[in-house]
All heavy atoms as atom14 arrays in JSON, in Angstrom:
{
  "sequence": "TSKEVDAGVLSIISYPAFAVEDLDVVNTTKEEIISKLQGRYGCCR",
  "atom14_mask": [
    [1, 1, 1, 1, 1, 1, 1, 0, 0, 0, 0, 0, 0, 0],
    [1, 1, 1, 1, 1, 1, 0, 0, 0, 0, 0, 0, 0, 0],
    [1, 1, 1, 1, 1, 1, 1, 1, 1, 0, 0, 0, 0, 0],
    [1, 1, 1, 1, 1, 1, 1, 1, 1, 0, 0, 0, 0, 0],
    [1, 1, 1, 1, 1, 1, 1, 0, 0, 0, 0, 0, 0, 0],
    [1, 1, 1, 1, 1, 1, 1, 1, 0, 0, 0, 0, 0, 0],
    [1, 1, 1, 1, 1, 0, 0, 0, 0, 0, 0, 0, 0, 0],
    [1, 1, 1, 1, 0, 0, 0, 0, 0, 0, 0, 0, 0, 0],
    [1, 1, 1, 1, 1, 1, 1, 0, 0, 0, 0, 0, 0, 0],
    [1, 1, 1, 1, 1, 1, 1, 1, 0, 0, 0, 0, 0, 0],
    [1, 1, 1, 1, 1, 1, 0, 0, 0, 0, 0, 0, 0, 0],
    [1, 1, 1, 1, 1, 1, 1, 1, 0, 0, 0, 0, 0, 0],
    [1, 1, 1, 1, 1, 1, 1, 1, 0, 0, 0, 0, 0, 0],
    [1, 1, 1, 1, 1, 1, 0, 0, 0, 0, 0, 0, 0, 0],
    [1, 1, 1, 1, 1, 1, 1, 1, 1, 1, 1, 1, 0, 0],
    [1, 1, 1, 1, 1, 1, 1, 0, 0, 0, 0, 0, 0, 0],
    [1, 1, 1, 1, 1, 0, 0, 0, 0, 0, 0, 0, 0, 0],
    [1, 1, 1, 1, 1, 1, 1, 1, 1, 1, 1, 0, 0, 0],
    [1, 1, 1, 1, 1, 0, 0, 0, 0, 0, 0, 0, 0, 0],
    [1, 1, 1, 1, 1, 1, 1, 0, 0, 0, 0, 0, 0, 0],
    [1, 1, 1, 1, 1, 1, 1, 1, 1, 0, 0, 0, 0, 0],
    [1, 1, 1, 1, 1, 1, 1, 1, 0, 0, 0, 0, 0, 0],
    [1, 1, 1, 1, 1, 1, 1, 1, 0, 0, 0, 0, 0, 0],
    [1, 1, 1, 1, 1, 1, 1, 1, 0, 0, 0, 0, 0, 0],
    [1, 1, 1, 1, 1, 1, 1, 0, 0, 0, 0, 0, 0, 0],
    [1, 1, 1, 1, 1, 1, 1, 0, 0, 0, 0, 0, 0, 0],
    [1, 1, 1, 1, 1, 1, 1, 1, 0, 0, 0, 0, 0, 0],
    [1, 1, 1, 1, 1, 1, 1, 0, 0, 0, 0, 0, 0, 0],
    [1, 1, 1, 1, 1, 1, 1, 0, 0, 0, 0, 0, 0, 0],
    [1, 1, 1, 1, 1, 1, 1, 1, 1, 0, 0, 0, 0, 0],
    [1, 1, 1, 1, 1, 1, 1, 1, 1, 0, 0, 0, 0, 0],
    [1, 1, 1, 1, 1, 1, 1, 1, 1, 0, 0, 0, 0, 0],
    [1, 1, 1, 1, 1, 1, 1, 1, 0, 0, 0, 0, 0, 0],
    [1, 1, 1, 1, 1, 1, 1, 1, 0, 0, 0, 0, 0, 0],
    [1, 1, 1, 1, 1, 1, 0, 0, 0, 0, 0, 0, 0, 0],
    [1, 1, 1, 1, 1, 1, 1, 1, 1, 0, 0, 0, 0, 0],
    [1, 1, 1, 1, 1, 1, 1, 1, 0, 0, 0, 0, 0, 0],
    [1, 1, 1, 1, 1, 1, 1, 1, 1, 0, 0, 0, 0, 0],
    [1, 1, 1, 1, 0, 0, 0, 0, 0, 0, 0, 0, 0, 0],
    [1, 1, 1, 1, 1, 1, 1, 1, 1, 1, 1, 0, 0, 0],
    [1, 1, 1, 1, 1, 1, 1, 1, 1, 1, 1, 1, 0, 0],
    [1, 1, 1, 1, 0, 0, 0, 0, 0, 0, 0, 0, 0, 0],
    [1, 1, 1, 1, 1, 1, 0, 0, 0, 0, 0, 0, 0, 0],
    [1, 1, 1, 1, 1, 1, 0, 0, 0, 0, 0, 0, 0, 0],
    [1, 1, 1, 1, 1, 1, 1, 1, 1, 1, 1, 0, 0, 0]
  ],
  "atom14_positions": [
    [[5.03, 10.84, 87.29], [4.35, 12.0, 86.71], [5.24, 12.73, 85.71], [4.8, 13.14, 84.64], [3.94, 12.99, 87.83], [3.29, 12.24, 88.86], [3.0, 14.05, 87.31], [0.0, 0.0, 0.0], [0.0, 0.0, 0.0], [0.0, 0.0, 0.0], [0.0, 0.0, 0.0], [0.0, 0.0, 0.0], [0.0, 0.0, 0.0], [0.0, 0.0, 0.0]],
    [[6.53, 12.88, 86.04], [7.42, 13.66, 85.17], [8.16, 12.81, 84.14], [8.6, 13.31, 83.12], [8.44, 14.43, 86.02], [9.34, 13.53, 86.62], [0.0, 0.0, 0.0], [0.0, 0.0, 0.0], [0.0, 0.0, 0.0], [0.0, 0.0, 0.0], [0.0, 0.0, 0.0], [0.0, 0.0, 0.0], [0.0, 0.0, 0.0], [0.0, 0.0, 0.0]],
    [[8.32, 11.5, 84.41], [9.09, 10.66, 83.5], [8.15, 9.76, 82.69], [7.54, 8.84, 83.25], [10.08, 9.78, 84.28], [11.12, 10.55, 85.06], [12.16, 9.61, 85.67], [13.06, 10.34, 86.64], [12.59, 10.28, 88.02], [0.0, 0.0, 0.0], [0.0, 0.0, 0.0], [0.0, 0.0, 0.0], [0.0, 0.0, 0.0], [0.0, 0.0, 0.0]],
    [[8.06, 10.03, 81.39], [7.19, 9.22, 80.54], [7.73, 7.8, 80.38], [6.99, 6.86, 80.2], [6.97, 9.87, 79.17], [8.23, 10.26, 78.4], [8.85, 11.57, 78.88], [9.64, 11.51, 79.85], [8.56, 12.61, 78.28], [0.0, 0.0, 0.0], [0.0, 0.0, 0.0], [0.0, 0.0, 0.0], [0.0, 0.0, 0.0], [0.0, 0.0, 0.0]],
    [[9.06, 7.67, 80.48], [9.68, 6.35, 80.36], [10.98, 6.36, 81.17], [11.67, 7.37, 81.22], [9.91, 5.99, 78.86], [10.8, 7.01, 78.17], [10.48, 4.6, 78.69], [0.0, 0.0, 0.0], [0.0, 0.0, 0.0], [0.0, 0.0, 0.0], [0.0, 0.0, 0.0], [0.0, 0.0, 0.0], [0.0, 0.0, 0.0], [0.0, 0.0, 0.0]],
    [[11.29, 5.25, 81.83], [12.47, 5.17, 82.69], [13.01, 3.74, 82.63], [12.28, 2.78, 82.88], [12.07, 5.54, 84.13], [13.25, 5.56, 85.1], [14.27, 4.91, 84.81], [13.15, 6.2, 86.15], [0.0, 0.0, 0.0], [0.0, 0.0, 0.0], [0.0, 0.0, 0.0], [0.0, 0.0, 0.0], [0.0, 0.0, 0.0], [0.0, 0.0, 0.0]],
    [[14.29, 3.61, 82.29], [14.89, 2.28, 82.15], [14.92, 1.52, 83.48], [14.98, 0.29, 83.5], [16.3, 2.39, 81.58], [0.0, 0.0, 0.0], [0.0, 0.0, 0.0], [0.0, 0.0, 0.0], [0.0, 0.0, 0.0], [0.0, 0.0, 0.0], [0.0, 0.0, 0.0], [0.0, 0.0, 0.0], [0.0, 0.0, 0.0], [0.0, 0.0, 0.0]],
    [[14.86, 2.24, 84.61], [14.85, 1.59, 85.91], [13.63, 0.7, 86.13], [13.64, -0.21, 86.96], [0.0, 0.0, 0.0], [0.0, 0.0, 0.0], [0.0, 0.0, 0.0], [0.0, 0.0, 0.0], [0.0, 0.0, 0.0], [0.0, 0.0, 0.0], [0.0, 0.0, 0.0], [0.0, 0.0, 0.0], [0.0, 0.0, 0.0], [0.0, 0.0, 0.0]],
    [[12.57, 0.93, 85.32], [11.33, 0.13, 85.45], [11.58, -1.32, 85.03], [10.83, -2.22, 85.4], [10.19, 0.8, 84.62], [8.94, -0.05, 84.6], [9.86, 2.18, 85.2], [0.0, 0.0, 0.0], [0.0, 0.0, 0.0], [0.0, 0.0, 0.0], [0.0, 0.0, 0.0], [0.0, 0.0, 0.0], [0.0, 0.0, 0.0], [0.0, 0.0, 0.0]],
    [[12.68, -1.56, 84.28], [13.03, -2.95, 83.92], [13.15, -3.83, 85.16], [12.86, -5.02, 85.12], [14.37, -2.98, 83.16], [14.35, -2.51, 81.69], [15.77, -2.38, 81.16], [13.54, -3.46, 80.83], [0.0, 0.0, 0.0], [0.0, 0.0, 0.0], [0.0, 0.0, 0.0], [0.0, 0.0, 0.0], [0.0, 0.0, 0.0], [0.0, 0.0, 0.0]],
    [[13.58, -3.23, 86.28], [13.79, -4.02, 87.5], [12.49, -4.48, 88.13], [12.49, -5.37, 88.98], [14.59, -3.2, 88.53], [13.82, -2.1, 88.98], [0.0, 0.0, 0.0], [0.0, 0.0, 0.0], [0.0, 0.0, 0.0], [0.0, 0.0, 0.0], [0.0, 0.0, 0.0], [0.0, 0.0, 0.0], [0.0, 0.0, 0.0], [0.0, 0.0, 0.0]],
    [[11.36, -3.87, 87.75], [10.09, -4.33, 88.35], [9.2, -5.1, 87.38], [8.37, -5.89, 87.79], [9.3, -3.17, 89.01], [8.83, -2.16, 87.99], [10.08, -2.51, 90.12], [7.41, -1.82, 88.15], [0.0, 0.0, 0.0], [0.0, 0.0, 0.0], [0.0, 0.0, 0.0], [0.0, 0.0, 0.0], [0.0, 0.0, 0.0], [0.0, 0.0, 0.0]],
    [[9.41, -4.91, 86.05], [8.6, -5.71, 85.11], [9.27, -7.07, 84.89], [8.67, -8.0, 84.37], [8.36, -5.01, 83.76], [9.68, -4.68, 83.05], [7.51, -3.75, 83.95], [9.52, -4.21, 81.61], [0.0, 0.0, 0.0], [0.0, 0.0, 0.0], [0.0, 0.0, 0.0], [0.0, 0.0, 0.0], [0.0, 0.0, 0.0], [0.0, 0.0, 0.0]],
    [[10.55, -7.17, 85.29], [11.27, -8.43, 85.14], [12.11, -8.65, 86.39], [11.69, -8.24, 87.47], [12.12, -8.36, 83.87], [12.77, -9.6, 83.65], [0.0, 0.0, 0.0], [0.0, 0.0, 0.0], [0.0, 0.0, 0.0], [0.0, 0.0, 0.0], [0.0, 0.0, 0.0], [0.0, 0.0, 0.0], [0.0, 0.0, 0.0], [0.0, 0.0, 0.0]],
    [[13.3, -9.25, 86.24], [14.16, -9.5, 87.39], [14.6, -8.18, 88.0], [14.95, -7.26, 87.29], [15.39, -10.3, 86.93], [16.3, -10.71, 88.05], [16.05, -11.86, 88.79], [17.4, -9.93, 88.39], [16.88, -12.21, 89.84], [18.23, -10.28, 89.44], [17.97, -11.43, 90.15], [18.77, -11.78, 91.19], [0.0, 0.0, 0.0], [0.0, 0.0, 0.0]],
    [[14.62, -8.01, 89.34], [14.34, -9.04, 90.35], [12.91, -9.04, 90.93], [12.55, -9.93, 91.66], [15.31, -8.64, 91.46], [15.41, -7.15, 91.37], [15.26, -6.81, 89.91], [0.0, 0.0, 0.0], [0.0, 0.0, 0.0], [0.0, 0.0, 0.0], [0.0, 0.0, 0.0], [0.0, 0.0, 0.0], [0.0, 0.0, 0.0], [0.0, 0.0, 0.0]],
    [[12.09, -8.01, 90.59], [10.81, -7.88, 91.31], [9.68, -8.73, 90.71], [8.84, -9.25, 91.44], [10.38, -6.42, 91.36], [0.0, 0.0, 0.0], [0.0, 0.0, 0.0], [0.0, 0.0, 0.0], [0.0, 0.0, 0.0], [0.0, 0.0, 0.0], [0.0, 0.0, 0.0], [0.0, 0.0, 0.0], [0.0, 0.0, 0.0], [0.0, 0.0, 0.0]],
    [[9.65, -8.85, 89.37], [8.53, -9.55, 88.7], [7.19, -9.09, 89.29], [6.34, -9.91, 89.66], [8.67, -11.07, 88.83], [9.91, -11.62, 88.22], [10.99, -12.01, 89.0], [10.04, -11.73, 86.84], [12.16, -12.51, 88.43], [11.21, -12.24, 86.25], [12.27, -12.63, 87.06], [0.0, 0.0, 0.0], [0.0, 0.0, 0.0], [0.0, 0.0, 0.0]],
    [[7.03, -7.76, 89.38], [5.88, -7.23, 90.12], [4.61, -7.07, 89.28], [3.55, -6.8, 89.82], [6.26, -5.87, 90.74], [0.0, 0.0, 0.0], [0.0, 0.0, 0.0], [0.0, 0.0, 0.0], [0.0, 0.0, 0.0], [0.0, 0.0, 0.0], [0.0, 0.0, 0.0], [0.0, 0.0, 0.0], [0.0, 0.0, 0.0], [0.0, 0.0, 0.0]],
    [[4.73, -7.21, 87.95], [3.57, -6.97, 87.08], [3.11, -8.29, 86.47], [3.88, -8.97, 85.78], [3.92, -5.96, 85.97], [2.69, -5.61, 85.14], [4.52, -4.69, 86.57], [0.0, 0.0, 0.0], [0.0, 0.0, 0.0], [0.0, 0.0, 0.0], [0.0, 0.0, 0.0], [0.0, 0.0, 0.0], [0.0, 0.0, 0.0], [0.0, 0.0, 0.0]],
    [[1.85, -8.66, 86.74], [1.34, -9.95, 86.27], [0.85, -9.9, 84.82], [0.87, -10.89, 84.1], [0.18, -10.45, 87.15], [0.61, -10.94, 88.52], [0.5, -9.87, 89.59], [0.22, -8.72, 89.22], [0.71, -10.19, 90.78], [0.0, 0.0, 0.0], [0.0, 0.0, 0.0], [0.0, 0.0, 0.0], [0.0, 0.0, 0.0], [0.0, 0.0, 0.0]],
    [[0.37, -8.73, 84.38], [-0.23, -8.6, 83.04], [0.88, -8.55, 81.98], [1.64, -7.58, 81.88], [-1.06, -7.3, 82.99], [-1.86, -7.19, 81.7], [-1.43, -7.76, 80.68], [-2.92, -6.54, 81.72], [0.0, 0.0, 0.0], [0.0, 0.0, 0.0], [0.0, 0.0, 0.0], [0.0, 0.0, 0.0], [0.0, 0.0, 0.0], [0.0, 0.0, 0.0]],
    [[0.97, -9.62, 81.17], [2.06, -9.72, 80.18], [1.99, -8.63, 79.12], [3.03, -8.19, 78.62], [2.02, -11.09, 79.5], [2.78, -12.22, 80.22], [2.68, -13.51, 79.45], [4.25, -11.85, 80.42], [0.0, 0.0, 0.0], [0.0, 0.0, 0.0], [0.0, 0.0, 0.0], [0.0, 0.0, 0.0], [0.0, 0.0, 0.0], [0.0, 0.0, 0.0]],
    [[0.79, -8.19, 78.78], [0.66, -7.11, 77.78], [1.31, -5.83, 78.28], [2.01, -5.14, 77.54], [-0.83, -6.85, 77.45], [-1.45, -8.03, 76.71], [-0.68, -8.8, 76.1], [-2.69, -8.18, 76.74], [0.0, 0.0, 0.0], [0.0, 0.0, 0.0], [0.0, 0.0, 0.0], [0.0, 0.0, 0.0], [0.0, 0.0, 0.0], [0.0, 0.0, 0.0]],
    [[1.07, -5.53, 79.58], [1.65, -4.32, 80.18], [3.17, -4.45, 80.23], [3.91, -3.51, 79.93], [1.07, -4.08, 81.61], [1.76, -2.9, 82.28], [-0.43, -3.85, 81.55], [0.0, 0.0, 0.0], [0.0, 0.0, 0.0], [0.0, 0.0, 0.0], [0.0, 0.0, 0.0], [0.0, 0.0, 0.0], [0.0, 0.0, 0.0], [0.0, 0.0, 0.0]],
    [[3.65, -5.65, 80.6], [5.1, -5.9, 80.67], [5.74, -5.66, 79.3], [6.73, -4.94, 79.17], [5.39, -7.34, 81.15], [6.86, -7.7, 80.99], [4.97, -7.51, 82.61], [0.0, 0.0, 0.0], [0.0, 0.0, 0.0], [0.0, 0.0, 0.0], [0.0, 0.0, 0.0], [0.0, 0.0, 0.0], [0.0, 0.0, 0.0], [0.0, 0.0, 0.0]],
    [[5.15, -6.26, 78.25], [5.72, -6.15, 76.91], [5.66, -4.73, 76.36], [6.62, -4.25, 75.75], [5.03, -7.12, 75.94], [5.33, -8.57, 76.29], [6.4, -8.87, 76.82], [4.4, -9.48, 76.04], [0.0, 0.0, 0.0], [0.0, 0.0, 0.0], [0.0, 0.0, 0.0], [0.0, 0.0, 0.0], [0.0, 0.0, 0.0], [0.0, 0.0, 0.0]],
    [[4.53, -4.05, 76.62], [4.4, -2.65, 76.16], [5.47, -1.78, 76.82], [6.12, -0.95, 76.16], [3.01, -2.09, 76.53], [2.01, -2.98, 76.04], [2.78, -0.71, 75.94], [0.0, 0.0, 0.0], [0.0, 0.0, 0.0], [0.0, 0.0, 0.0], [0.0, 0.0, 0.0], [0.0, 0.0, 0.0], [0.0, 0.0, 0.0], [0.0, 0.0, 0.0]],
    [[5.64, -1.96, 78.14], [6.63, -1.16, 78.89], [8.04, -1.43, 78.38], [8.83, -0.5, 78.18], [6.53, -1.48, 80.4], [5.17, -1.34, 80.82], [7.4, -0.55, 81.21], [0.0, 0.0, 0.0], [0.0, 0.0, 0.0], [0.0, 0.0, 0.0], [0.0, 0.0, 0.0], [0.0, 0.0, 0.0], [0.0, 0.0, 0.0], [0.0, 0.0, 0.0]],
    [[8.35, -2.71, 78.14], [9.69, -3.07, 77.67], [9.96, -2.47, 76.29], [11.04, -1.92, 76.04], [9.83, -4.6, 77.64], [11.25, -5.08, 77.39], [11.45, -6.53, 77.8], [10.9, -7.48, 76.77], [11.15, -8.88, 77.08], [0.0, 0.0, 0.0], [0.0, 0.0, 0.0], [0.0, 0.0, 0.0], [0.0, 0.0, 0.0], [0.0, 0.0, 0.0]],
    [[8.95, -2.53, 75.42], [9.1, -1.95, 74.06], [9.32, -0.44, 74.13], [10.12, 0.12, 73.37], [7.87, -2.28, 73.21], [7.88, -3.7, 72.66], [6.5, -4.17, 72.2], [5.66, -3.3, 71.9], [6.27, -5.39, 72.16], [0.0, 0.0, 0.0], [0.0, 0.0, 0.0], [0.0, 0.0, 0.0], [0.0, 0.0, 0.0], [0.0, 0.0, 0.0]],
    [[8.58, 0.22, 75.04], [8.73, 1.68, 75.23], [10.17, 2.02, 75.62], [10.77, 2.94, 75.08], [7.8, 2.16, 76.36], [6.37, 2.39, 75.94], [6.18, 3.79, 75.37], [6.25, 4.77, 76.13], [5.96, 3.88, 74.16], [0.0, 0.0, 0.0], [0.0, 0.0, 0.0], [0.0, 0.0, 0.0], [0.0, 0.0, 0.0], [0.0, 0.0, 0.0]],
    [[10.7, 1.26, 76.59], [12.06, 1.51, 77.08], [13.08, 1.3, 75.97], [13.95, 2.15, 75.74], [12.37, 0.6, 78.3], [11.52, 1.02, 79.51], [13.86, 0.64, 78.65], [11.53, 0.04, 80.67], [0.0, 0.0, 0.0], [0.0, 0.0, 0.0], [0.0, 0.0, 0.0], [0.0, 0.0, 0.0], [0.0, 0.0, 0.0], [0.0, 0.0, 0.0]],
    [[12.96, 0.18, 75.24], [13.94, -0.13, 74.19], [13.85, 0.87, 73.04], [14.86, 1.38, 72.55], [13.75, -1.58, 73.7], [14.16, -2.57, 74.81], [14.57, -1.85, 72.43], [13.81, -4.01, 74.55], [0.0, 0.0, 0.0], [0.0, 0.0, 0.0], [0.0, 0.0, 0.0], [0.0, 0.0, 0.0], [0.0, 0.0, 0.0], [0.0, 0.0, 0.0]],
    [[12.62, 1.22, 72.63], [12.48, 2.12, 71.47], [12.9, 3.55, 71.78], [13.45, 4.24, 70.93], [11.04, 2.08, 70.95], [10.17, 2.59, 71.93], [0.0, 0.0, 0.0], [0.0, 0.0, 0.0], [0.0, 0.0, 0.0], [0.0, 0.0, 0.0], [0.0, 0.0, 0.0], [0.0, 0.0, 0.0], [0.0, 0.0, 0.0], [0.0, 0.0, 0.0]],
    [[12.66, 4.01, 73.01], [12.93, 5.41, 73.32], [14.28, 5.66, 74.0], [14.81, 6.76, 73.93], [11.82, 5.97, 74.22], [10.5, 6.11, 73.47], [9.43, 6.74, 74.33], [8.14, 6.91, 73.53], [7.01, 7.32, 74.36], [0.0, 0.0, 0.0], [0.0, 0.0, 0.0], [0.0, 0.0, 0.0], [0.0, 0.0, 0.0], [0.0, 0.0, 0.0]],
    [[14.82, 4.64, 74.67], [16.01, 4.89, 75.49], [17.27, 4.16, 75.04], [18.36, 4.49, 75.46], [15.73, 4.51, 76.96], [14.58, 5.25, 77.65], [14.4, 4.75, 79.08], [14.79, 6.75, 77.65], [0.0, 0.0, 0.0], [0.0, 0.0, 0.0], [0.0, 0.0, 0.0], [0.0, 0.0, 0.0], [0.0, 0.0, 0.0], [0.0, 0.0, 0.0]],
    [[17.12, 3.15, 74.17], [18.3, 2.34, 73.83], [19.19, 3.03, 72.8], [18.71, 3.63, 71.86], [17.86, 0.97, 73.3], [19.04, 0.05, 73.02], [18.63, -1.41, 72.93], [18.46, -2.06, 73.94], [18.46, -1.9, 71.72], [0.0, 0.0, 0.0], [0.0, 0.0, 0.0], [0.0, 0.0, 0.0], [0.0, 0.0, 0.0], [0.0, 0.0, 0.0]],
    [[20.51, 2.9, 73.02], [21.49, 3.43, 72.08], [22.52, 2.37, 71.74], [22.26, 1.17, 71.86], [0.0, 0.0, 0.0], [0.0, 0.0, 0.0], [0.0, 0.0, 0.0], [0.0, 0.0, 0.0], [0.0, 0.0, 0.0], [0.0, 0.0, 0.0], [0.0, 0.0, 0.0], [0.0, 0.0, 0.0], [0.0, 0.0, 0.0], [0.0, 0.0, 0.0]],
    [[23.71, 2.8, 71.36], [24.76, 1.85, 70.95], [25.53, 1.28, 72.13], [26.27, 0.31, 71.99], [25.74, 2.56, 70.02], [25.23, 2.76, 68.62], [26.1, 3.74, 67.84], [27.52, 3.37, 67.87], [28.5, 4.22, 67.56], [28.21, 5.46, 67.23], [29.77, 3.83, 67.62], [0.0, 0.0, 0.0], [0.0, 0.0, 0.0], [0.0, 0.0, 0.0]],
    [[25.4, 1.9, 73.31], [26.22, 1.5, 74.46], [25.37, 1.08, 75.67], [25.89, 0.91, 76.77], [27.15, 2.65, 74.87], [28.13, 3.05, 73.8], [27.77, 3.98, 72.83], [29.4, 2.48, 73.75], [28.67, 4.35, 71.83], [30.3, 2.84, 72.75], [29.93, 3.77, 71.79], [30.82, 4.12, 70.81], [0.0, 0.0, 0.0], [0.0, 0.0, 0.0]],
    [[24.08, 0.96, 75.48], [23.18, 0.66, 76.6], [21.93, 1.5, 76.46], [21.6, 1.95, 75.36], [0.0, 0.0, 0.0], [0.0, 0.0, 0.0], [0.0, 0.0, 0.0], [0.0, 0.0, 0.0], [0.0, 0.0, 0.0], [0.0, 0.0, 0.0], [0.0, 0.0, 0.0], [0.0, 0.0, 0.0], [0.0, 0.0, 0.0], [0.0, 0.0, 0.0]],
    [[21.26, 1.74, 77.57], [20.07, 2.61, 77.56], [20.35, 3.83, 78.43], [21.06, 3.73, 79.43], [18.86, 1.88, 78.14], [18.42, 0.38, 77.26], [0.0, 0.0, 0.0], [0.0, 0.0, 0.0], [0.0, 0.0, 0.0], [0.0, 0.0, 0.0], [0.0, 0.0, 0.0], [0.0, 0.0, 0.0], [0.0, 0.0, 0.0], [0.0, 0.0, 0.0]],
    [[19.76, 4.98, 78.05], [19.85, 6.1, 78.99], [18.78, 5.9, 80.06], [17.83, 5.13, 79.87], [19.72, 7.45, 78.3], [18.51, 7.59, 77.04], [0.0, 0.0, 0.0], [0.0, 0.0, 0.0], [0.0, 0.0, 0.0], [0.0, 0.0, 0.0], [0.0, 0.0, 0.0], [0.0, 0.0, 0.0], [0.0, 0.0, 0.0], [0.0, 0.0, 0.0]],
    [[18.94, 6.54, 81.18], [18.03, 6.29, 82.32], [16.63, 6.82, 82.0], [15.64, 6.13, 82.23], [18.57, 6.96, 83.58], [19.94, 6.45, 83.99], [20.38, 6.96, 85.35], [20.4, 8.41, 85.42], [20.73, 9.1, 86.52], [21.08, 8.44, 87.62], [20.74, 10.42, 86.53], [0.0, 0.0, 0.0], [0.0, 0.0, 0.0], [0.0, 0.0, 0.0]]
  ]
}
């Protein structure tokens, strides 16, 4: 509810959980994380 995007979600759209079957949702979520959270040294949480 409070976090529009969270890098921790990478653990469930991919390794180790692979919990989301819909590839469109997986790709959209990954793009959101990379575009909003990624910097020069990693991603912020």
